[in-house]
């Protein structure tokens, strides 16, 4: 199965899971008198739309390169990630605003059965986070990583709701607002996670030097190709799920141009075979002094 197929399957998993959970949270929060659970439902609802955006981004990023886009369409991925962050920040703002309003508004204690629902949700969302995050690492997809963090954010808001409802139920009348304070705390976690998602995507757009393990592997593997003396410089830019490499290859200064050309092609073919995540390599030949 290709990386693209893995990413698409993981995204469908997110969409279906978030749809089921958002319905469950809305119903349980409404009938169980829990604003923290309703706040959780708000985030899960935005997760559905953000996952649909991620699906679009992954499919669009895999459109082949053309005359106007010689490097392909992979830059759509970090742009989609930015939109996902907007969804997260928007949902966190709504939760914070409404929870502050509800803190000063008298209301009933949450129903005890909301804790059972939340316990199951927390376990499922953490499983979902680990599954989607694993797929994002396998596919090198930044938007899929953002989608995974949505699951973790959901688990955090559900955990906060669980704690808030537990306090309200245990301490009883007069502590109903513990549920709302939990929702407010959860919004803070969502804001923080939004930054954690946004920062790497920004680095990807700016071609930030952040692929150290990949470059180290290239330098080590290059020594296996006959005629390669050293890799003087090596840079990588990530576009979608693929990497484009620029490197300076040092060869014997006494060989012919054709021999140097053959070595560079052998190196390019070898690296692309060993590292399928590499889309293309531009090699500059340097003579060994």
C-alpha atoms as a PDB file:
ATOM      1  CA  UNK A   1       0.000   0.000   0.000  1.00  0.00           C
ATOM      2  CA  UNK A   2       1.385   3.432  -0.982  1.00  0.00           C
ATOM      3  CA  UNK A   3       1.850   6.274   1.496  1.00  0.00           C
ATOM      4  CA  UNK A   4      -0.989   8.145  -0.183  1.00  0.00           C
ATOM      5  CA  UNK A   5      -3.388   5.223   0.289  1.00  0.00           C
ATOM      6  CA  UNK A   6      -2.340   4.869   3.945  1.00  0.00           C
ATOM      7  CA  UNK A   7      -2.964   8.583   4.548  1.00  0.00           C
ATOM      8  CA  UNK A   8      -6.369   8.515   2.847  1.00  0.00           C
ATOM      9  CA  UNK A   9      -7.475   5.457   4.868  1.00  0.00           C
ATOM     10  CA  UNK A  10      -6.364   7.117   8.112  1.00  0.00           C
ATOM     11  CA  UNK A  11      -8.324  10.247   7.210  1.00  0.00           C
ATOM     12  CA  UNK A  12     -11.521   8.274   6.503  1.00  0.00           C
ATOM     13  CA  UNK A  13     -10.988   6.620   9.897  1.00  0.00           C
ATOM     14  CA  UNK A  14     -10.901  10.093  11.489  1.00  0.00           C
ATOM     15  CA  UNK A  15     -14.001  11.345   9.668  1.00  0.00           C
ATOM     16  CA  UNK A  16     -16.143   8.341  10.592  1.00  0.00           C
ATOM     17  CA  UNK A  17     -14.921   8.246  14.191  1.00  0.00           C
ATOM     18  CA  UNK A  18     -15.413  11.984  14.754  1.00  0.00           C
ATOM     19  CA  UNK A  19     -18.918  11.900  13.285  1.00  0.00           C
ATOM     20  CA  UNK A  20     -20.039   9.102  15.615  1.00  0.00           C
ATOM     21  CA  UNK A  21     -18.406  10.682  18.670  1.00  0.00           C
ATOM     22  CA  UNK A  22     -19.735  14.185  18.022  1.00  0.00           C
ATOM     23  CA  UNK A  23     -23.316  12.857  17.863  1.00  0.00           C
ATOM     24  CA  UNK A  24     -22.754  10.882  21.071  1.00  0.00           C
ATOM     25  CA  UNK A  25     -21.263  13.910  22.860  1.00  0.00           C
ATOM     26  CA  UNK A  26     -24.014  16.318  21.798  1.00  0.00           C
ATOM     27  CA  UNK A  27     -26.741  13.950  22.983  1.00  0.00           C
ATOM     28  CA  UNK A  28     -25.001  13.017  26.248  1.00  0.00           C
ATOM     29  CA  UNK A  29     -24.003  16.612  27.017  1.00  0.00           C
ATOM     30  CA  UNK A  30     -27.495  17.980  26.350  1.00  0.00           C
ATOM     31  CA  UNK A  31     -29.452  15.351  28.263  1.00  0.00           C
ATOM     32  CA  UNK A  32     -26.737  14.931  30.923  1.00  0.00           C
ATOM     33  CA  UNK A  33     -26.536  18.673  31.792  1.00  0.00           C
ATOM     34  CA  UNK A  34     -22.800  18.897  31.042  1.00  0.00           C
ATOM     35  CA  UNK A  35     -21.433  21.981  29.281  1.00  0.00           C
ATOM     36  CA  UNK A  36     -17.921  20.479  29.347  1.00  0.00           C
ATOM     37  CA  UNK A  37     -19.265  17.596  27.270  1.00  0.00           C
ATOM     38  CA  UNK A  38     -21.074  19.993  24.930  1.00  0.00           C
ATOM     39  CA  UNK A  39     -17.789  21.920  24.576  1.00  0.00           C
ATOM     40  CA  UNK A  40     -16.152  18.608  23.734  1.00  0.00           C
ATOM     41  CA  UNK A  41     -18.869  18.012  21.123  1.00  0.00           C
ATOM     42  CA  UNK A  42     -18.138  21.415  19.557  1.00  0.00           C
ATOM     43  CA  UNK A  43     -14.519  20.426  19.062  1.00  0.00           C
ATOM     44  CA  UNK A  44     -15.444  17.025  17.635  1.00  0.00           C
ATOM     45  CA  UNK A  45     -17.801  18.710  15.164  1.00  0.00           C
ATOM     46  CA  UNK A  46     -15.034  21.009  13.931  1.00  0.00           C
ATOM     47  CA  UNK A  47     -12.800  17.917  13.733  1.00  0.00           C
ATOM     48  CA  UNK A  48     -15.141  16.434  11.119  1.00  0.00           C
ATOM     49  CA  UNK A  49     -14.720  19.426   8.808  1.00  0.00           C
ATOM     50  CA  UNK A  50     -10.973  19.658   9.413  1.00  0.00           C
ATOM     51  CA  UNK A  51     -10.575  15.946   8.580  1.00  0.00           C
ATOM     52  CA  UNK A  52     -12.490  16.506   5.336  1.00  0.00           C
ATOM     53  CA  UNK A  53     -10.046  19.331   4.555  1.00  0.00           C
ATOM     54  CA  UNK A  54      -7.120  17.000   5.298  1.00  0.00           C
ATOM     55  CA  UNK A  55      -8.596  14.392   2.938  1.00  0.00           C
ATOM     56  CA  UNK A  56      -8.895  17.003   0.181  1.00  0.00           C
ATOM     57  CA  UNK A  57      -5.337  18.185   0.794  1.00  0.00           C
ATOM     58  CA  UNK A  58      -3.866  14.679   0.635  1.00  0.00           C
ATOM     59  CA  UNK A  59      -5.699  13.861  -2.604  1.00  0.00           C
ATOM     60  CA  UNK A  60      -4.823  17.202  -4.205  1.00  0.00           C
ATOM     61  CA  UNK A  61      -1.169  16.977  -3.161  1.00  0.00           C
ATOM     62  CA  UNK A  62      -0.828  13.737  -5.123  1.00  0.00           C
ATOM     63  CA  UNK A  63      -1.804  15.269  -8.460  1.00  0.00           C
ATOM     64  CA  UNK A  64       1.248  14.721 -10.723  1.00  0.00           C
ATOM     65  CA  UNK A  65       3.605  17.584 -11.560  1.00  0.00           C
ATOM     66  CA  UNK A  66       2.684  19.638 -14.613  1.00  0.00           C
ATOM     67  CA  UNK A  67       4.060  22.566 -16.606  1.00  0.00           C
ATOM     68  CA  UNK A  68       2.921  25.149 -14.066  1.00  0.00           C
ATOM     69  CA  UNK A  69       3.801  23.020 -11.025  1.00  0.00           C
ATOM     70  CA  UNK A  70       7.118  21.279 -11.786  1.00  0.00           C
ATOM     71  CA  UNK A  71       7.506  20.285  -8.117  1.00  0.00           C
ATOM     72  CA  UNK A  72       3.976  18.876  -7.949  1.00  0.00           C
ATOM     73  CA  UNK A  73       1.112  20.089  -5.760  1.00  0.00           C
ATOM     74  CA  UNK A  74       2.410  19.017  -2.353  1.00  0.00           C
ATOM     75  CA  UNK A  75       2.529  22.539  -0.885  1.00  0.00           C
ATOM     76  CA  UNK A  76      -1.234  22.261  -0.397  1.00  0.00           C
ATOM     77  CA  UNK A  77      -0.517  20.055   2.645  1.00  0.00           C
ATOM     78  CA  UNK A  78       0.896  22.731   4.991  1.00  0.00           C
ATOM     79  CA  UNK A  79      -1.730  25.188   3.715  1.00  0.00           C
ATOM     80  CA  UNK A  80      -4.440  22.709   4.718  1.00  0.00           C
ATOM     81  CA  UNK A  81      -2.682  22.341   8.059  1.00  0.00           C
ATOM     82  CA  UNK A  82      -3.025  26.107   8.564  1.00  0.00           C
ATOM     83  CA  UNK A  83      -6.763  25.825   7.914  1.00  0.00           C
ATOM     84  CA  UNK A  84      -7.000  22.953  10.405  1.00  0.00           C
ATOM     85  CA  UNK A  85      -5.311  25.191  12.989  1.00  0.00           C
ATOM     86  CA  UNK A  86      -7.914  27.891  12.264  1.00  0.00           C
ATOM     87  CA  UNK A  87     -10.644  25.331  13.038  1.00  0.00           C
ATOM     88  CA  UNK A  88      -8.898  24.438  16.295  1.00  0.00           C
ATOM     89  CA  UNK A  89      -8.440  28.047  17.410  1.00  0.00           C
ATOM     90  CA  UNK A  90     -12.047  28.873  16.489  1.00  0.00           C
ATOM     91  CA  UNK A  91     -13.446  25.956  18.480  1.00  0.00           C
ATOM     92  CA  UNK A  92     -11.178  26.796  21.454  1.00  0.00           C
ATOM     93  CA  UNK A  93     -12.373  30.412  21.379  1.00  0.00           C
ATOM     94  CA  UNK A  94     -16.034  29.373  21.330  1.00  0.00           C
ATOM     95  CA  UNK A  95     -15.478  26.940  24.215  1.00  0.00           C
ATOM     96  CA  UNK A  96     -13.604  29.562  26.278  1.00  0.00           C
ATOM     97  CA  UNK A  97     -16.234  32.255  25.655  1.00  0.00           C
ATOM     98  CA  UNK A  98     -19.202  30.037  26.479  1.00  0.00           C
ATOM     99  CA  UNK A  99     -17.583  28.411  29.518  1.00  0.00           C
ATOM    100  CA  UNK A 100     -16.795  31.847  31.025  1.00  0.00           C
ATOM    101  CA  UNK A 101     -20.420  32.845  30.543  1.00  0.00           C
ATOM    102  CA  UNK A 102     -21.666  29.596  32.089  1.00  0.00           C
ATOM    103  CA  UNK A 103     -19.403  29.828  35.144  1.00  0.00           C
ATOM    104  CA  UNK A 104     -21.572  32.625  36.547  1.00  0.00           C
ATOM    105  CA  UNK A 105     -24.868  31.059  35.482  1.00  0.00           C
ATOM    106  CA  UNK A 106     -26.638  28.689  37.935  1.00  0.00           C
ATOM    107  CA  UNK A 107     -27.397  25.297  36.429  1.00  0.00           C
ATOM    108  CA  UNK A 108     -28.035  21.689  37.368  1.00  0.00           C
ATOM    109  CA  UNK A 109     -25.375  19.154  38.279  1.00  0.00           C
ATOM    110  CA  UNK A 110     -24.260  16.864  35.426  1.00  0.00           C
ATOM    111  CA  UNK A 111     -25.760  13.368  35.322  1.00  0.00           C
ATOM    112  CA  UNK A 112     -23.482  10.573  36.659  1.00  0.00           C
ATOM    113  CA  UNK A 113     -23.745   8.520  33.461  1.00  0.00           C
ATOM    114  CA  UNK A 114     -21.840  11.235  31.568  1.00  0.00           C
ATOM    115  CA  UNK A 115     -18.680   9.929  33.255  1.00  0.00           C
ATOM    116  CA  UNK A 116     -19.133   6.482  31.688  1.00  0.00           C
ATOM    117  CA  UNK A 117     -19.511   8.018  28.246  1.00  0.00           C
ATOM    118  CA  UNK A 118     -16.461  10.248  28.758  1.00  0.00           C
ATOM    119  CA  UNK A 119     -14.320   7.348  29.991  1.00  0.00           C
ATOM    120  CA  UNK A 120     -15.017   5.396  26.803  1.00  0.00           C
ATOM    121  CA  UNK A 121     -14.398   8.490  24.648  1.00  0.00           C
ATOM    122  CA  UNK A 122     -11.020   9.219  26.273  1.00  0.00           C
ATOM    123  CA  UNK A 123      -9.787   5.680  25.603  1.00  0.00           C
ATOM    124  CA  UNK A 124     -11.026   5.710  21.998  1.00  0.00           C
ATOM    125  CA  UNK A 125      -9.564   9.141  21.196  1.00  0.00           C
ATOM    126  CA  UNK A 126      -6.149   8.199  22.572  1.00  0.00           C
ATOM    127  CA  UNK A 127      -6.198   5.034  20.441  1.00  0.00           C
ATOM    128  CA  UNK A 128      -7.209   7.162  17.445  1.00  0.00           C
ATOM    129  CA  UNK A 129      -4.377   9.616  18.142  1.00  0.00           C
ATOM    130  CA  UNK A 130      -1.768   6.869  18.248  1.00  0.00           C
ATOM    131  CA  UNK A 131      -3.099   5.225  15.076  1.00  0.00           C
ATOM    132  CA  UNK A 132      -3.247   8.418  12.987  1.00  0.00           C
ATOM    133  CA  UNK A 133       0.086   9.701  14.349  1.00  0.00           C
ATOM    134  CA  UNK A 134       1.748   6.436  13.367  1.00  0.00           C
ATOM    135  CA  UNK A 135       0.357   6.804   9.844  1.00  0.00           C
ATOM    136  CA  UNK A 136       1.560  10.415   9.681  1.00  0.00           C
ATOM    137  CA  UNK A 137       5.098   9.254  10.531  1.00  0.00           C
ATOM    138  CA  UNK A 138       4.947   6.480   7.954  1.00  0.00           C
ATOM    139  CA  UNK A 139       3.687   8.802   5.222  1.00  0.00           C
ATOM    140  CA  UNK A 140       5.566  12.002   6.259  1.00  0.00           C
ATOM    141  CA  UNK A 141       2.249  13.873   6.068  1.00  0.00           C
ATOM    142  CA  UNK A 142       2.080  17.151   8.009  1.00  0.00           C
ATOM    143  CA  UNK A 143      -1.686  17.499   7.575  1.00  0.00           C
ATOM    144  CA  UNK A 144      -2.216  13.953   8.853  1.00  0.00           C
ATOM    145  CA  UNK A 145      -0.089  14.850  11.869  1.00  0.00           C
ATOM    146  CA  UNK A 146      -2.392  17.821  12.471  1.00  0.00           C
ATOM    147  CA  UNK A 147      -5.361  15.469  12.239  1.00  0.00           C
ATOM    148  CA  UNK A 148      -3.735  13.190  14.821  1.00  0.00           C
ATOM    149  CA  UNK A 149      -3.324  16.131  17.190  1.00  0.00           C
ATOM    150  CA  UNK A 150      -7.030  16.788  16.802  1.00  0.00           C
ATOM    151  CA  UNK A 151      -7.622  13.361  18.355  1.00  0.00           C
ATOM    152  CA  UNK A 152      -5.198  14.136  21.190  1.00  0.00           C
ATOM    153  CA  UNK A 153      -6.878  17.518  21.772  1.00  0.00           C
ATOM    154  CA  UNK A 154     -10.221  15.749  21.896  1.00  0.00           C
ATOM    155  CA  UNK A 155      -8.860  13.275  24.447  1.00  0.00           C
ATOM    156  CA  UNK A 156      -7.583  16.186  26.564  1.00  0.00           C
ATOM    157  CA  UNK A 157     -10.908  18.054  26.476  1.00  0.00           C
ATOM    158  CA  UNK A 158     -12.716  14.828  27.352  1.00  0.00           C
ATOM    159  CA  UNK A 159     -10.309  14.223  30.246  1.00  0.00           C
ATOM    160  CA  UNK A 160     -10.854  17.777  31.498  1.00  0.00           C
ATOM    161  CA  UNK A 161     -14.611  17.258  31.256  1.00  0.00           C
ATOM    162  CA  UNK A 162     -14.276  13.963  33.171  1.00  0.00           C
ATOM    163  CA  UNK A 163     -12.370  15.687  36.004  1.00  0.00           C
ATOM    164  CA  UNK A 164     -14.781  18.637  36.098  1.00  0.00           C
ATOM    165  CA  UNK A 165     -17.886  16.471  36.208  1.00  0.00           C
ATOM    166  CA  UNK A 166     -16.315  14.216  38.877  1.00  0.00           C
ATOM    167  CA  UNK A 167     -15.615  17.233  41.096  1.00  0.00           C
ATOM    168  CA  UNK A 168     -19.135  18.598  40.590  1.00  0.00           C
ATOM    169  CA  UNK A 169     -20.749  15.243  41.394  1.00  0.00           C
ATOM    170  CA  UNK A 170     -18.487  14.454  44.351  1.00  0.00           C
ATOM    171  CA  UNK A 171     -18.754  17.847  46.062  1.00  0.00           C
ATOM    172  CA  UNK A 172     -22.386  18.362  45.098  1.00  0.00           C
ATOM    173  CA  UNK A 173     -24.471  21.534  45.114  1.00  0.00           C
ATOM    174  CA  UNK A 174     -22.478  24.736  44.817  1.00  0.00           C
ATOM    175  CA  UNK A 175     -19.782  23.114  42.664  1.00  0.00           C
ATOM    176  CA  UNK A 176     -21.750  22.882  39.410  1.00  0.00           C
ATOM    177  CA  UNK A 177     -19.324  25.339  37.775  1.00  0.00           C
ATOM    178  CA  UNK A 178     -16.454  22.811  38.061  1.00  0.00           C
ATOM    179  CA  UNK A 179     -17.808  21.408  34.797  1.00  0.00           C
ATOM    180  CA  UNK A 180     -17.452  24.839  33.148  1.00  0.00           C
ATOM    181  CA  UNK A 181     -13.988  25.444  34.591  1.00  0.00           C
ATOM    182  CA  UNK A 182     -12.955  22.124  33.061  1.00  0.00           C
ATOM    183  CA  UNK A 183     -14.186  23.301  29.668  1.00  0.00           C
ATOM    184  CA  UNK A 184     -12.207  26.551  30.044  1.00  0.00           C
ATOM    185  CA  UNK A 185      -9.054  24.621  30.946  1.00  0.00           C
ATOM    186  CA  UNK A 186      -9.586  22.366  27.929  1.00  0.00           C
ATOM    187  CA  UNK A 187      -9.730  25.406  25.619  1.00  0.00           C
ATOM    188  CA  UNK A 188      -6.274  26.408  26.854  1.00  0.00           C
ATOM    189  CA  UNK A 189      -4.887  22.990  25.912  1.00  0.00           C
ATOM    190  CA  UNK A 190      -6.430  23.326  22.456  1.00  0.00           C
ATOM    191  CA  UNK A 191      -4.757  26.731  21.934  1.00  0.00           C
ATOM    192  CA  UNK A 192      -1.398  25.241  22.926  1.00  0.00           C
ATOM    193  CA  UNK A 193      -1.811  22.235  20.612  1.00  0.00           C
ATOM    194  CA  UNK A 194      -2.726  24.621  17.793  1.00  0.00           C
ATOM    195  CA  UNK A 195       0.723  26.172  18.101  1.00  0.00           C
ATOM    196  CA  UNK A 196       2.398  22.751  18.142  1.00  0.00           C
ATOM    197  CA  UNK A 197       0.657  21.931  14.845  1.00  0.00           C
ATOM    198  CA  UNK A 198       1.202  25.340  13.252  1.00  0.00           C
ATOM    199  CA  UNK A 199       4.949  25.663  13.892  1.00  0.00           C
ATOM    200  CA  UNK A 200       6.216  22.646  11.855  1.00  0.00           C
ATOM    201  CA  UNK A 201       3.853  23.467   8.964  1.00  0.00           C
ATOM    202  CA  UNK A 202       5.232  27.010   8.866  1.00  0.00           C
ATOM    203  CA  UNK A 203       8.750  25.588   8.772  1.00  0.00           C
ATOM    204  CA  UNK A 204       7.733  23.383   5.838  1.00  0.00           C
ATOM    205  CA  UNK A 205       6.397  26.371   3.878  1.00  0.00           C
ATOM    206  CA  UNK A 206       9.591  28.327   4.630  1.00  0.00           C
ATOM    207  CA  UNK A 207      11.878  25.398   3.666  1.00  0.00           C
ATOM    208  CA  UNK A 208      13.285  25.419   7.184  1.00  0.00           C
ATOM    209  CA  UNK A 209      16.263  23.132   7.796  1.00  0.00           C
ATOM    210  CA  UNK A 210      14.530  20.515   9.960  1.00  0.00           C
ATOM    211  CA  UNK A 211      15.142  17.146   8.255  1.00  0.00           C
ATOM    212  CA  UNK A 212      18.414  16.236   9.958  1.00  0.00           C
ATOM    213  CA  UNK A 213      17.848  12.465  10.156  1.00  0.00           C
ATOM    214  CA  UNK A 214      17.027  12.279   6.448  1.00  0.00           C
ATOM    215  CA  UNK A 215      20.164  14.203   5.474  1.00  0.00           C
ATOM    216  CA  UNK A 216      22.356  12.111   7.765  1.00  0.00           C
ATOM    217  CA  UNK A 217      20.990   8.945   6.139  1.00  0.00           C
ATOM    218  CA  UNK A 218      21.728  10.343   2.668  1.00  0.00           C
ATOM    219  CA  UNK A 219      25.336  11.089   3.599  1.00  0.00           C
ATOM    220  CA  UNK A 220      25.850   7.597   5.063  1.00  0.00           C
ATOM    221  CA  UNK A 221      24.200   5.750   2.156  1.00  0.00           C
ATOM    222  CA  UNK A 222      26.082   7.781  -0.464  1.00  0.00           C
ATOM    223  CA  UNK A 223      29.369   6.182   0.644  1.00  0.00           C
ATOM    224  CA  UNK A 224      28.046   2.856  -0.703  1.00  0.00           C
ATOM    225  CA  UNK A 225      28.162   4.146  -4.309  1.00  0.00           C
ATOM    226  CA  UNK A 226      31.441   3.573  -6.123  1.00  0.00           C
ATOM    227  CA  UNK A 227      33.214   6.794  -7.055  1.00  0.00           C
ATOM    228  CA  UNK A 228      31.620   8.905  -4.317  1.00  0.00           C
ATOM    229  CA  UNK A 229      34.322  10.533  -2.189  1.00  0.00           C
ATOM    230  CA  UNK A 230      32.165  12.803  -0.062  1.00  0.00           C
ATOM    231  CA  UNK A 231      28.933  14.793   0.158  1.00  0.00           C
ATOM    232  CA  UNK A 232      30.003  18.395   0.646  1.00  0.00           C
ATOM    233  CA  UNK A 233      26.564  20.001   1.012  1.00  0.00           C
ATOM    234  CA  UNK A 234      23.112  18.496   1.317  1.00  0.00           C
ATOM    235  CA  UNK A 235      19.749  20.268   1.612  1.00  0.00           C
ATOM    236  CA  UNK A 236      16.182  18.999   1.620  1.00  0.00           C
ATOM    237  CA  UNK A 237      12.809  20.596   1.059  1.00  0.00           C
ATOM    238  CA  UNK A 238       9.604  18.766   1.887  1.00  0.00           C
ATOM    239  CA  UNK A 239       6.726  19.101  -0.566  1.00  0.00           C
ATOM    240  CA  UNK A 240       3.681  17.087   0.441  1.00  0.00           C
ATOM    241  CA  UNK A 241       4.818  13.621   1.456  1.00  0.00           C
ATOM    242  CA  UNK A 242       7.961  13.740  -0.703  1.00  0.00           C
ATOM    243  CA  UNK A 243      11.419  15.292  -0.395  1.00  0.00           C
ATOM    244  CA  UNK A 244      13.444  17.153  -3.006  1.00  0.00           C
ATOM    245  CA  UNK A 245      17.198  16.996  -2.385  1.00  0.00           C
ATOM    246  CA  UNK A 246      20.023  19.317  -3.482  1.00  0.00           C
ATOM    247  CA  UNK A 247      23.532  18.038  -2.841  1.00  0.00           C
ATOM    248  CA  UNK A 248      27.155  18.678  -3.785  1.00  0.00           C
ATOM    249  CA  UNK A 249      28.943  15.454  -4.688  1.00  0.00           C
ATOM    250  CA  UNK A 250      32.732  15.259  -4.433  1.00  0.00           C
ATOM    251  CA  UNK A 251      34.458  12.957  -6.957  1.00  0.00           C
ATOM    252  CA  UNK A 252      37.997  12.389  -8.191  1.00  0.00           C
ATOM    253  CA  UNK A 253      39.090  15.558  -9.992  1.00  0.00           C
ATOM    254  CA  UNK A 254      41.027  13.643 -12.645  1.00  0.00           C
ATOM    255  CA  UNK A 255      38.089  11.676 -14.106  1.00  0.00           C
ATOM    256  CA  UNK A 256      36.192  12.741 -17.231  1.00  0.00           C
ATOM    257  CA  UNK A 257      32.956  14.716 -17.253  1.00  0.00           C
ATOM    258  CA  UNK A 258      31.126  11.601 -18.452  1.00  0.00           C
ATOM    259  CA  UNK A 259      32.498   9.505 -15.593  1.00  0.00           C
ATOM    260  CA  UNK A 260      31.415  12.143 -13.071  1.00  0.00           C
ATOM    261  CA  UNK A 261      28.000  12.257 -14.743  1.00  0.00           C
ATOM    262  CA  UNK A 262      27.670   8.463 -14.494  1.00  0.00           C
ATOM    263  CA  UNK A 263      28.584   8.500 -10.785  1.00  0.00           C
ATOM    264  CA  UNK A 264      25.971  11.175 -10.076  1.00  0.00           C
ATOM    265  CA  UNK A 265      23.283   9.146 -11.865  1.00  0.00           C
ATOM    266  CA  UNK A 266      24.298   6.000 -10.015  1.00  0.00           C
ATOM    267  CA  UNK A 267      24.051   7.908  -6.719  1.00  0.00           C
ATOM    268  CA  UNK A 268      20.663   9.371  -7.618  1.00  0.00           C
ATOM    269  CA  UNK A 269      19.208   5.990  -8.610  1.00  0.00           C
ATOM    270  CA  UNK A 270      20.627   4.297  -5.506  1.00  0.00           C
ATOM    271  CA  UNK A 271      19.274   6.886  -3.061  1.00  0.00           C
ATOM    272  CA  UNK A 272      15.810   6.949  -4.650  1.00  0.00           C
ATOM    273  CA  UNK A 273      15.682   3.166  -4.496  1.00  0.00           C
ATOM    274  CA  UNK A 274      16.793   3.052  -0.848  1.00  0.00           C
ATOM    275  CA  UNK A 275      14.633   5.997   0.241  1.00  0.00           C
ATOM    276  CA  UNK A 276      11.251   5.991  -1.563  1.00  0.00           C
ATOM    277  CA  UNK A 277      10.231   9.232   0.164  1.00  0.00           C
ATOM    278  CA  UNK A 278      12.707  11.085  -2.109  1.00  0.00           C
ATOM    279  CA  UNK A 279      10.970  12.439  -5.227  1.00  0.00           C
ATOM    280  CA  UNK A 280      14.031  13.885  -6.969  1.00  0.00           C
ATOM    281  CA  UNK A 281      17.683  14.792  -6.387  1.00  0.00           C
ATOM    282  CA  UNK A 282      19.638  17.641  -7.989  1.00  0.00           C
ATOM    283  CA  UNK A 283      23.375  16.870  -7.870  1.00  0.00           C
ATOM    284  CA  UNK A 284      26.254  19.301  -8.371  1.00  0.00           C
ATOM    285  CA  UNK A 285      29.681  17.731  -9.044  1.00  0.00           C
ATOM    286  CA  UNK A 286      32.709  19.004  -7.111  1.00  0.00           C
ATOM    287  CA  UNK A 287      36.280  17.859  -7.962  1.00  0.00           C
ATOM    288  CA  UNK A 288      38.346  16.493  -5.098  1.00  0.00           C
ATOM    289  CA  UNK A 289      41.325  18.823  -4.539  1.00  0.00           C
END
